[in-house]
């Protein structure tokens, strides 16, 4: 049992664990940034009357009035949005 003034011993992460934690933080930040970019483009395209669907195999399908355009990745989706005047 510890005395009231004693502090518990702190276990410092090993450098490998610290690096893993930093990588997880970076992955999470990148993922959040990507989600925001997708949401922004989807909103801009929605204002232009188009629906954006994220495909299970990667990429996006943009639809309007029975016509569809497939974008292979986020860059292609952004390029399409610029081309149709939505971004």
PDB file of N, CA and C in Angstrom:
ATOM      1  N   UNK A   1       0.842  -1.172   0.000  1.00  0.00           N
ATOM      2  CA  UNK A   1       0.000   0.000   0.000  1.00  0.00           C
ATOM      3  C   UNK A   1       0.888   1.235   0.000  1.00  0.00           C
ATOM      4  N   UNK A   2       0.469   2.262  -0.741  1.00  0.00           N
ATOM      5  CA  UNK A   2       1.279   3.472  -0.856  1.00  0.00           C
ATOM      6  C   UNK A   2       0.856   4.473   0.208  1.00  0.00           C
ATOM      7  N   UNK A   3       1.846   5.236   0.624  1.00  0.00           N
ATOM      8  CA  UNK A   3       1.565   6.322   1.561  1.00  0.00           C
ATOM      9  C   UNK A   3       0.820   7.417   0.810  1.00  0.00           C
ATOM     10  N   UNK A   4       0.065   8.285   1.475  1.00  0.00           N
ATOM     11  CA  UNK A   4      -0.726   9.311   0.791  1.00  0.00           C
ATOM     12  C   UNK A   4       0.092  10.237  -0.108  1.00  0.00           C
ATOM     13  N   UNK A   5       1.355  10.478   0.190  1.00  0.00           N
ATOM     14  CA  UNK A   5       2.168  11.405  -0.590  1.00  0.00           C
ATOM     15  C   UNK A   5       2.971  10.725  -1.698  1.00  0.00           C
ATOM     16  N   UNK A   6       2.910   9.409  -1.780  1.00  0.00           N
ATOM     17  CA  UNK A   6       3.674   8.684  -2.795  1.00  0.00           C
ATOM     18  C   UNK A   6       2.951   8.707  -4.131  1.00  0.00           C
ATOM     19  N   UNK A   7       3.727   8.767  -5.182  1.00  0.00           N
ATOM     20  CA  UNK A   7       3.151   8.708  -6.522  1.00  0.00           C
ATOM     21  C   UNK A   7       3.378   7.313  -7.082  1.00  0.00           C
ATOM     22  N   UNK A   8       2.441   6.863  -7.863  1.00  0.00           N
ATOM     23  CA  UNK A   8       2.577   5.556  -8.490  1.00  0.00           C
ATOM     24  C   UNK A   8       3.685   5.625  -9.537  1.00  0.00           C
ATOM     25  N   UNK A   9       4.385   4.523  -9.699  1.00  0.00           N
ATOM     26  CA  UNK A   9       5.448   4.463 -10.705  1.00  0.00           C
ATOM     27  C   UNK A   9       4.819   4.555 -12.086  1.00  0.00           C
ATOM     28  N   UNK A  10       5.430   5.338 -12.938  1.00  0.00           N
ATOM     29  CA  UNK A  10       4.927   5.506 -14.300  1.00  0.00           C
ATOM     30  C   UNK A  10       5.747   4.662 -15.250  1.00  0.00           C
ATOM     31  N   UNK A  11       5.082   3.950 -16.103  1.00  0.00           N
ATOM     32  CA  UNK A  11       5.776   3.142 -17.092  1.00  0.00           C
ATOM     33  C   UNK A  11       5.843   3.946 -18.377  1.00  0.00           C
ATOM     34  N   UNK A  12       7.054   4.245 -18.793  1.00  0.00           N
ATOM     35  CA  UNK A  12       7.228   5.007 -20.018  1.00  0.00           C
ATOM     36  C   UNK A  12       7.190   4.054 -21.207  1.00  0.00           C
ATOM     37  N   UNK A  13       6.537   4.455 -22.274  1.00  0.00           N
ATOM     38  CA  UNK A  13       6.464   3.567 -23.437  1.00  0.00           C
ATOM     39  C   UNK A  13       7.841   3.388 -24.059  1.00  0.00           C
ATOM     40  N   UNK A  14       8.069   2.202 -24.603  1.00  0.00           N
ATOM     41  CA  UNK A  14       9.325   1.963 -25.298  1.00  0.00           C
ATOM     42  C   UNK A  14       9.305   2.782 -26.582  1.00  0.00           C
ATOM     43  N   UNK A  15      10.441   2.947 -27.181  1.00  0.00           N
ATOM     44  CA  UNK A  15      10.485   3.750 -28.405  1.00  0.00           C
ATOM     45  C   UNK A  15       9.646   3.098 -29.502  1.00  0.00           C
ATOM     46  N   UNK A  16       9.599   1.776 -29.533  1.00  0.00           N
ATOM     47  CA  UNK A  16       8.788   1.081 -30.538  1.00  0.00           C
ATOM     48  C   UNK A  16       7.296   1.346 -30.301  1.00  0.00           C
ATOM     49  N   UNK A  17       6.876   1.286 -29.043  1.00  0.00           N
ATOM     50  CA  UNK A  17       5.476   1.549 -28.716  1.00  0.00           C
ATOM     51  C   UNK A  17       5.134   3.010 -28.992  1.00  0.00           C
ATOM     52  N   UNK A  18       6.057   3.907 -28.709  1.00  0.00           N
ATOM     53  CA  UNK A  18       5.824   5.323 -28.968  1.00  0.00           C
ATOM     54  C   UNK A  18       5.689   5.580 -30.469  1.00  0.00           C
ATOM     55  N   UNK A  19       6.527   4.930 -31.261  1.00  0.00           N
ATOM     56  CA  UNK A  19       6.448   5.091 -32.715  1.00  0.00           C
ATOM     57  C   UNK A  19       5.130   4.542 -33.241  1.00  0.00           C
ATOM     58  N   UNK A  20       4.695   3.391 -32.710  1.00  0.00           N
ATOM     59  CA  UNK A  20       3.423   2.799 -33.123  1.00  0.00           C
ATOM     60  C   UNK A  20       2.266   3.741 -32.795  1.00  0.00           C
ATOM     61  N   UNK A  21       2.328   4.357 -31.622  1.00  0.00           N
ATOM     62  CA  UNK A  21       1.292   5.295 -31.213  1.00  0.00           C
ATOM     63  C   UNK A  21       1.262   6.506 -32.145  1.00  0.00           C
ATOM     64  N   UNK A  22       2.442   7.009 -32.507  1.00  0.00           N
ATOM     65  CA  UNK A  22       2.513   8.153 -33.414  1.00  0.00           C
ATOM     66  C   UNK A  22       1.976   7.792 -34.788  1.00  0.00           C
ATOM     67  N   UNK A  23       2.270   6.576 -35.270  1.00  0.00           N
ATOM     68  CA  UNK A  23       1.758   6.137 -36.561  1.00  0.00           C
ATOM     69  C   UNK A  23       0.237   6.028 -36.531  1.00  0.00           C
ATOM     70  N   UNK A  24      -0.302   5.510 -35.423  1.00  0.00           N
ATOM     71  CA  UNK A  24      -1.756   5.409 -35.301  1.00  0.00           C
ATOM     72  C   UNK A  24      -2.387   6.793 -35.305  1.00  0.00           C
ATOM     73  N   UNK A  25      -1.752   7.744 -34.626  1.00  0.00           N
ATOM     74  CA  UNK A  25      -2.258   9.115 -34.611  1.00  0.00           C
ATOM     75  C   UNK A  25      -2.237   9.719 -36.015  1.00  0.00           C
ATOM     76  N   UNK A  26      -1.159   9.456 -36.772  1.00  0.00           N
ATOM     77  CA  UNK A  26      -1.059   9.973 -38.134  1.00  0.00           C
ATOM     78  C   UNK A  26      -2.113   9.339 -39.029  1.00  0.00           C
ATOM     79  N   UNK A  27      -2.294   8.014 -38.900  1.00  0.00           N
ATOM     80  CA  UNK A  27      -3.318   7.330 -39.698  1.00  0.00           C
ATOM     81  C   UNK A  27      -4.690   7.910 -39.408  1.00  0.00           C
ATOM     82  N   UNK A  28      -4.949   8.163 -38.149  1.00  0.00           N
ATOM     83  CA  UNK A  28      -6.247   8.712 -37.757  1.00  0.00           C
ATOM     84  C   UNK A  28      -6.420  10.119 -38.303  1.00  0.00           C
ATOM     85  N   UNK A  29      -5.380  10.928 -38.277  1.00  0.00           N
ATOM     86  CA  UNK A  29      -5.459  12.294 -38.805  1.00  0.00           C
ATOM     87  C   UNK A  29      -5.655  12.280 -40.316  1.00  0.00           C
ATOM     88  N   UNK A  30      -4.947  11.393 -40.992  1.00  0.00           N
ATOM     89  CA  UNK A  30      -5.080  11.281 -42.447  1.00  0.00           C
ATOM     90  C   UNK A  30      -6.479  10.804 -42.798  1.00  0.00           C
ATOM     91  N   UNK A  31      -6.975   9.833 -42.059  1.00  0.00           N
ATOM     92  CA  UNK A  31      -8.319   9.310 -42.295  1.00  0.00           C
ATOM     93  C   UNK A  31      -9.372  10.395 -42.081  1.00  0.00           C
ATOM     94  N   UNK A  32      -9.216  11.188 -41.036  1.00  0.00           N
ATOM     95  CA  UNK A  32     -10.165  12.268 -40.760  1.00  0.00           C
ATOM     96  C   UNK A  32     -10.119  13.311 -41.872  1.00  0.00           C
ATOM     97  N   UNK A  33      -8.918  13.632 -42.341  1.00  0.00           N
ATOM     98  CA  UNK A  33      -8.765  14.612 -43.420  1.00  0.00           C
ATOM     99  C   UNK A  33      -9.422  14.104 -44.702  1.00  0.00           C
ATOM    100  N   UNK A  34      -9.247  12.814 -44.989  1.00  0.00           N
ATOM    101  CA  UNK A  34      -9.842  12.218 -46.181  1.00  0.00           C
ATOM    102  C   UNK A  34     -11.371  12.245 -46.087  1.00  0.00           C
ATOM    103  N   UNK A  35     -11.902  11.891 -44.909  1.00  0.00           N
ATOM    104  CA  UNK A  35     -13.359  11.899 -44.709  1.00  0.00           C
ATOM    105  C   UNK A  35     -13.930  13.295 -44.925  1.00  0.00           C
ATOM    106  N   UNK A  36     -13.228  14.299 -44.438  1.00  0.00           N
ATOM    107  CA  UNK A  36     -13.696  15.675 -44.612  1.00  0.00           C
ATOM    108  C   UNK A  36     -13.662  16.076 -46.081  1.00  0.00           C
ATOM    109  N   UNK A  37     -12.622  15.660 -46.796  1.00  0.00           N
ATOM    110  CA  UNK A  37     -12.511  15.997 -48.217  1.00  0.00           C
ATOM    111  C   UNK A  37     -13.622  15.329 -49.012  1.00  0.00           C
ATOM    112  N   UNK A  38     -13.915  14.062 -48.705  1.00  0.00           N
ATOM    113  CA  UNK A  38     -14.985  13.345 -49.394  1.00  0.00           C
ATOM    114  C   UNK A  38     -16.324  14.018 -49.102  1.00  0.00           C
ATOM    115  N   UNK A  39     -16.569  14.348 -47.839  1.00  0.00           N
ATOM    116  CA  UNK A  39     -17.831  14.987 -47.454  1.00  0.00           C
ATOM    117  C   UNK A  39     -17.993  16.340 -48.153  1.00  0.00           C
ATOM    118  N   UNK A  40     -16.913  17.099 -48.245  1.00  0.00           N
ATOM    119  CA  UNK A  40     -16.978  18.410 -48.894  1.00  0.00           C
ATOM    120  C   UNK A  40     -17.311  18.267 -50.374  1.00  0.00           C
ATOM    121  N   UNK A  41     -16.629  17.337 -51.060  1.00  0.00           N
ATOM    122  CA  UNK A  41     -16.907  17.138 -52.483  1.00  0.00           C
ATOM    123  C   UNK A  41     -18.314  16.597 -52.702  1.00  0.00           C
ATOM    124  N   UNK A  42     -18.756  15.681 -51.838  1.00  0.00           N
ATOM    125  CA  UNK A  42     -20.107  15.130 -51.959  1.00  0.00           C
ATOM    126  C   UNK A  42     -21.147  16.236 -51.783  1.00  0.00           C
ATOM    127  N   UNK A  43     -20.906  17.141 -50.853  1.00  0.00           N
ATOM    128  CA  UNK A  43     -21.835  18.256 -50.632  1.00  0.00           C
ATOM    129  C   UNK A  43     -21.856  19.198 -51.825  1.00  0.00           C
ATOM    130  N   UNK A  44     -20.677  19.497 -52.357  1.00  0.00           N
ATOM    131  CA  UNK A  44     -20.612  20.384 -53.522  1.00  0.00           C
ATOM    132  C   UNK A  44     -21.314  19.757 -54.725  1.00  0.00           C
ATOM    133  N   UNK A  45     -21.106  18.452 -54.925  1.00  0.00           N
ATOM    134  CA  UNK A  45     -21.760  17.771 -56.031  1.00  0.00           C
ATOM    135  C   UNK A  45     -23.264  17.656 -55.794  1.00  0.00           C
ATOM    136  N   UNK A  46     -23.681  17.499 -54.537  1.00  0.00           N
ATOM    137  CA  UNK A  46     -25.111  17.438 -54.208  1.00  0.00           C
ATOM    138  C   UNK A  46     -25.784  18.771 -54.538  1.00  0.00           C
ATOM    139  N   UNK A  47     -25.107  19.858 -54.274  1.00  0.00           N
ATOM    140  CA  UNK A  47     -25.659  21.168 -54.619  1.00  0.00           C
ATOM    141  C   UNK A  47     -25.809  21.324 -56.128  1.00  0.00           C
ATOM    142  N   UNK A  48     -25.005  20.577 -56.873  1.00  0.00           N
ATOM    143  CA  UNK A  48     -25.103  20.594 -58.336  1.00  0.00           C
ATOM    144  C   UNK A  48     -26.056  19.502 -58.838  1.00  0.00           C
ATOM    145  N   UNK A  49     -26.777  18.846 -57.916  1.00  0.00           N
ATOM    146  CA  UNK A  49     -27.768  17.857 -58.310  1.00  0.00           C
ATOM    147  C   UNK A  49     -27.235  16.465 -58.539  1.00  0.00           C
ATOM    148  N   UNK A  50     -26.055  16.161 -58.049  1.00  0.00           N
ATOM    149  CA  UNK A  50     -25.456  14.838 -58.252  1.00  0.00           C
ATOM    150  C   UNK A  50     -25.335  14.092 -56.926  1.00  0.00           C
ATOM    151  N   UNK A  51     -25.472  12.776 -56.999  1.00  0.00           N
ATOM    152  CA  UNK A  51     -25.289  11.931 -55.821  1.00  0.00           C
ATOM    153  C   UNK A  51     -23.920  11.271 -55.903  1.00  0.00           C
ATOM    154  N   UNK A  52     -23.249  11.146 -54.766  1.00  0.00           N
ATOM    155  CA  UNK A  52     -21.947  10.491 -54.718  1.00  0.00           C
ATOM    156  C   UNK A  52     -22.076   9.250 -53.843  1.00  0.00           C
ATOM    157  N   UNK A  53     -21.623   8.122 -54.376  1.00  0.00           N
ATOM    158  CA  UNK A  53     -21.633   6.864 -53.639  1.00  0.00           C
ATOM    159  C   UNK A  53     -20.208   6.324 -53.590  1.00  0.00           C
ATOM    160  N   UNK A  54     -19.755   5.977 -52.392  1.00  0.00           N
ATOM    161  CA  UNK A  54     -18.422   5.384 -52.258  1.00  0.00           C
ATOM    162  C   UNK A  54     -18.538   3.896 -52.536  1.00  0.00           C
ATOM    163  N   UNK A  55     -17.702   3.380 -53.410  1.00  0.00           N
ATOM    164  CA  UNK A  55     -17.769   1.984 -53.814  1.00  0.00           C
ATOM    165  C   UNK A  55     -16.963   1.098 -52.857  1.00  0.00           C
ATOM    166  N   UNK A  56     -17.434  -0.113 -52.648  1.00  0.00           N
ATOM    167  CA  UNK A  56     -16.773  -1.045 -51.720  1.00  0.00           C
ATOM    168  C   UNK A  56     -15.354  -1.374 -52.163  1.00  0.00           C
ATOM    169  N   UNK A  57     -15.124  -1.455 -53.452  1.00  0.00           N
ATOM    170  CA  UNK A  57     -13.793  -1.788 -53.961  1.00  0.00           C
ATOM    171  C   UNK A  57     -12.885  -0.583 -54.097  1.00  0.00           C
ATOM    172  N   UNK A  58     -13.336   0.568 -53.642  1.00  0.00           N
ATOM    173  CA  UNK A  58     -12.567   1.804 -53.777  1.00  0.00           C
ATOM    174  C   UNK A  58     -13.138   2.645 -54.897  1.00  0.00           C
ATOM    175  N   UNK A  59     -12.966   3.906 -54.818  1.00  0.00           N
ATOM    176  CA  UNK A  59     -13.473   4.804 -55.835  1.00  0.00           C
ATOM    177  C   UNK A  59     -14.877   5.298 -55.505  1.00  0.00           C
ATOM    178  N   UNK A  60     -15.456   6.015 -56.451  1.00  0.00           N
ATOM    179  CA  UNK A  60     -16.743   6.662 -56.240  1.00  0.00           C
ATOM    180  C   UNK A  60     -17.587   6.562 -57.498  1.00  0.00           C
ATOM    181  N   UNK A  61     -18.897   6.551 -57.313  1.00  0.00           N
ATOM    182  CA  UNK A  61     -19.844   6.600 -58.412  1.00  0.00           C
ATOM    183  C   UNK A  61     -20.660   7.878 -58.223  1.00  0.00           C
ATOM    184  N   UNK A  62     -20.674   8.722 -59.259  1.00  0.00           N
ATOM    185  CA  UNK A  62     -21.433   9.976 -59.215  1.00  0.00           C
ATOM    186  C   UNK A  62     -22.599   9.834 -60.194  1.00  0.00           C
ATOM    187  N   UNK A  63     -23.817  10.067 -59.704  1.00  0.00           N
ATOM    188  CA  UNK A  63     -25.011   9.858 -60.522  1.00  0.00           C
ATOM    189  C   UNK A  63     -25.853  11.127 -60.611  1.00  0.00           C
ATOM    190  N   UNK A  64     -26.501  11.290 -61.781  1.00  0.00           N
ATOM    191  CA  UNK A  64     -27.473  12.368 -61.972  1.00  0.00           C
ATOM    192  C   UNK A  64     -28.384  11.975 -63.126  1.00  0.00           C
ATOM    193  N   UNK A  65     -29.680  11.936 -62.877  1.00  0.00           N
ATOM    194  CA  UNK A  65     -30.690  11.657 -63.901  1.00  0.00           C
ATOM    195  C   UNK A  65     -30.376  10.399 -64.714  1.00  0.00           C
ATOM    196  N   UNK A  66     -29.991   9.328 -64.046  1.00  0.00           N
ATOM    197  CA  UNK A  66     -29.747   8.069 -64.742  1.00  0.00           C
ATOM    198  C   UNK A  66     -28.392   7.955 -65.411  1.00  0.00           C
ATOM    199  N   UNK A  67     -27.594   8.992 -65.344  1.00  0.00           N
ATOM    200  CA  UNK A  67     -26.238   8.948 -65.904  1.00  0.00           C
ATOM    201  C   UNK A  67     -25.264   8.781 -64.752  1.00  0.00           C
ATOM    202  N   UNK A  68     -24.178   8.062 -64.996  1.00  0.00           N
ATOM    203  CA  UNK A  68     -23.211   7.813 -63.934  1.00  0.00           C
ATOM    204  C   UNK A  68     -21.796   8.061 -64.423  1.00  0.00           C
ATOM    205  N   UNK A  69     -20.964   8.452 -63.498  1.00  0.00           N
ATOM    206  CA  UNK A  69     -19.534   8.643 -63.766  1.00  0.00           C
ATOM    207  C   UNK A  69     -18.774   7.957 -62.633  1.00  0.00           C
ATOM    208  N   UNK A  70     -17.804   7.120 -62.985  1.00  0.00           N
ATOM    209  CA  UNK A  70     -17.010   6.452 -61.966  1.00  0.00           C
ATOM    210  C   UNK A  70     -15.677   7.168 -61.817  1.00  0.00           C
ATOM    211  N   UNK A  71     -15.362   7.528 -60.574  1.00  0.00           N
ATOM    212  CA  UNK A  71     -14.077   8.156 -60.250  1.00  0.00           C
ATOM    213  C   UNK A  71     -13.248   7.129 -59.486  1.00  0.00           C
ATOM    214  N   UNK A  72     -12.037   6.897 -59.942  1.00  0.00           N
ATOM    215  CA  UNK A  72     -11.195   5.850 -59.361  1.00  0.00           C
ATOM    216  C   UNK A  72     -10.732   6.157 -57.945  1.00  0.00           C
ATOM    217  N   UNK A  73     -10.558   7.439 -57.634  1.00  0.00           N
ATOM    218  CA  UNK A  73     -10.069   7.812 -56.306  1.00  0.00           C
ATOM    219  C   UNK A  73     -10.513   9.244 -55.987  1.00  0.00           C
ATOM    220  N   UNK A  74     -10.040   9.750 -54.853  1.00  0.00           N
ATOM    221  CA  UNK A  74     -10.445  11.086 -54.416  1.00  0.00           C
ATOM    222  C   UNK A  74      -9.979  12.170 -55.386  1.00  0.00           C
ATOM    223  N   UNK A  75      -8.789  12.019 -55.948  1.00  0.00           N
ATOM    224  CA  UNK A  75      -8.293  12.997 -56.921  1.00  0.00           C
ATOM    225  C   UNK A  75      -9.179  13.034 -58.165  1.00  0.00           C
ATOM    226  N   UNK A  76      -9.593  11.864 -58.626  1.00  0.00           N
ATOM    227  CA  UNK A  76     -10.469  11.793 -59.798  1.00  0.00           C
ATOM    228  C   UNK A  76     -11.839  12.396 -59.486  1.00  0.00           C
ATOM    229  N   UNK A  77     -12.328  12.186 -58.267  1.00  0.00           N
ATOM    230  CA  UNK A  77     -13.610  12.780 -57.863  1.00  0.00           C
ATOM    231  C   UNK A  77     -13.508  14.301 -57.853  1.00  0.00           C
ATOM    232  N   UNK A  78     -12.405  14.813 -57.329  1.00  0.00           N
ATOM    233  CA  UNK A  78     -12.195  16.264 -57.308  1.00  0.00           C
ATOM    234  C   UNK A  78     -12.088  16.821 -58.721  1.00  0.00           C
ATOM    235  N   UNK A  79     -11.393  16.107 -59.580  1.00  0.00           N
ATOM    236  CA  UNK A  79     -11.251  16.531 -60.972  1.00  0.00           C
ATOM    237  C   UNK A  79     -12.612  16.574 -61.662  1.00  0.00           C
ATOM    238  N   UNK A  80     -13.441  15.558 -61.413  1.00  0.00           N
ATOM    239  CA  UNK A  80     -14.780  15.534 -62.002  1.00  0.00           C
ATOM    240  C   UNK A  80     -15.624  16.689 -61.480  1.00  0.00           C
ATOM    241  N   UNK A  81     -15.537  16.949 -60.180  1.00  0.00           N
ATOM    242  CA  UNK A  81     -16.304  18.059 -59.589  1.00  0.00           C
ATOM    243  C   UNK A  81     -15.900  19.391 -60.224  1.00  0.00           C
ATOM    244  N   UNK A  82     -14.623  19.570 -60.473  1.00  0.00           N
ATOM    245  CA  UNK A  82     -14.151  20.798 -61.138  1.00  0.00           C
ATOM    246  C   UNK A  82     -14.663  20.871 -62.568  1.00  0.00           C
ATOM    247  N   UNK A  83     -14.644  19.735 -63.245  1.00  0.00           N
ATOM    248  CA  UNK A  83     -15.072  19.678 -64.638  1.00  0.00           C
ATOM    249  C   UNK A  83     -16.540  20.041 -64.812  1.00  0.00           C
ATOM    250  N   UNK A  84     -17.385  19.630 -63.842  1.00  0.00           N
ATOM    251  CA  UNK A  84     -18.824  19.917 -63.971  1.00  0.00           C
ATOM    252  C   UNK A  84     -19.211  21.211 -63.261  1.00  0.00           C
ATOM    253  N   UNK A  85     -18.219  21.932 -62.728  1.00  0.00           N
ATOM    254  CA  UNK A  85     -18.475  23.219 -62.100  1.00  0.00           C
ATOM    255  C   UNK A  85     -19.040  23.135 -60.690  1.00  0.00           C
ATOM    256  N   UNK A  86     -18.825  22.005 -60.015  1.00  0.00           N
ATOM    257  CA  UNK A  86     -19.353  21.835 -58.668  1.00  0.00           C
ATOM    258  C   UNK A  86     -18.346  22.235 -57.593  1.00  0.00           C
ATOM    259  N   UNK A  87     -17.099  22.349 -57.952  1.00  0.00           N
ATOM    260  CA  UNK A  87     -16.075  22.686 -56.948  1.00  0.00           C
ATOM    261  C   UNK A  87     -15.399  23.992 -57.284  1.00  0.00           C
TER     262      UNK A  87
END
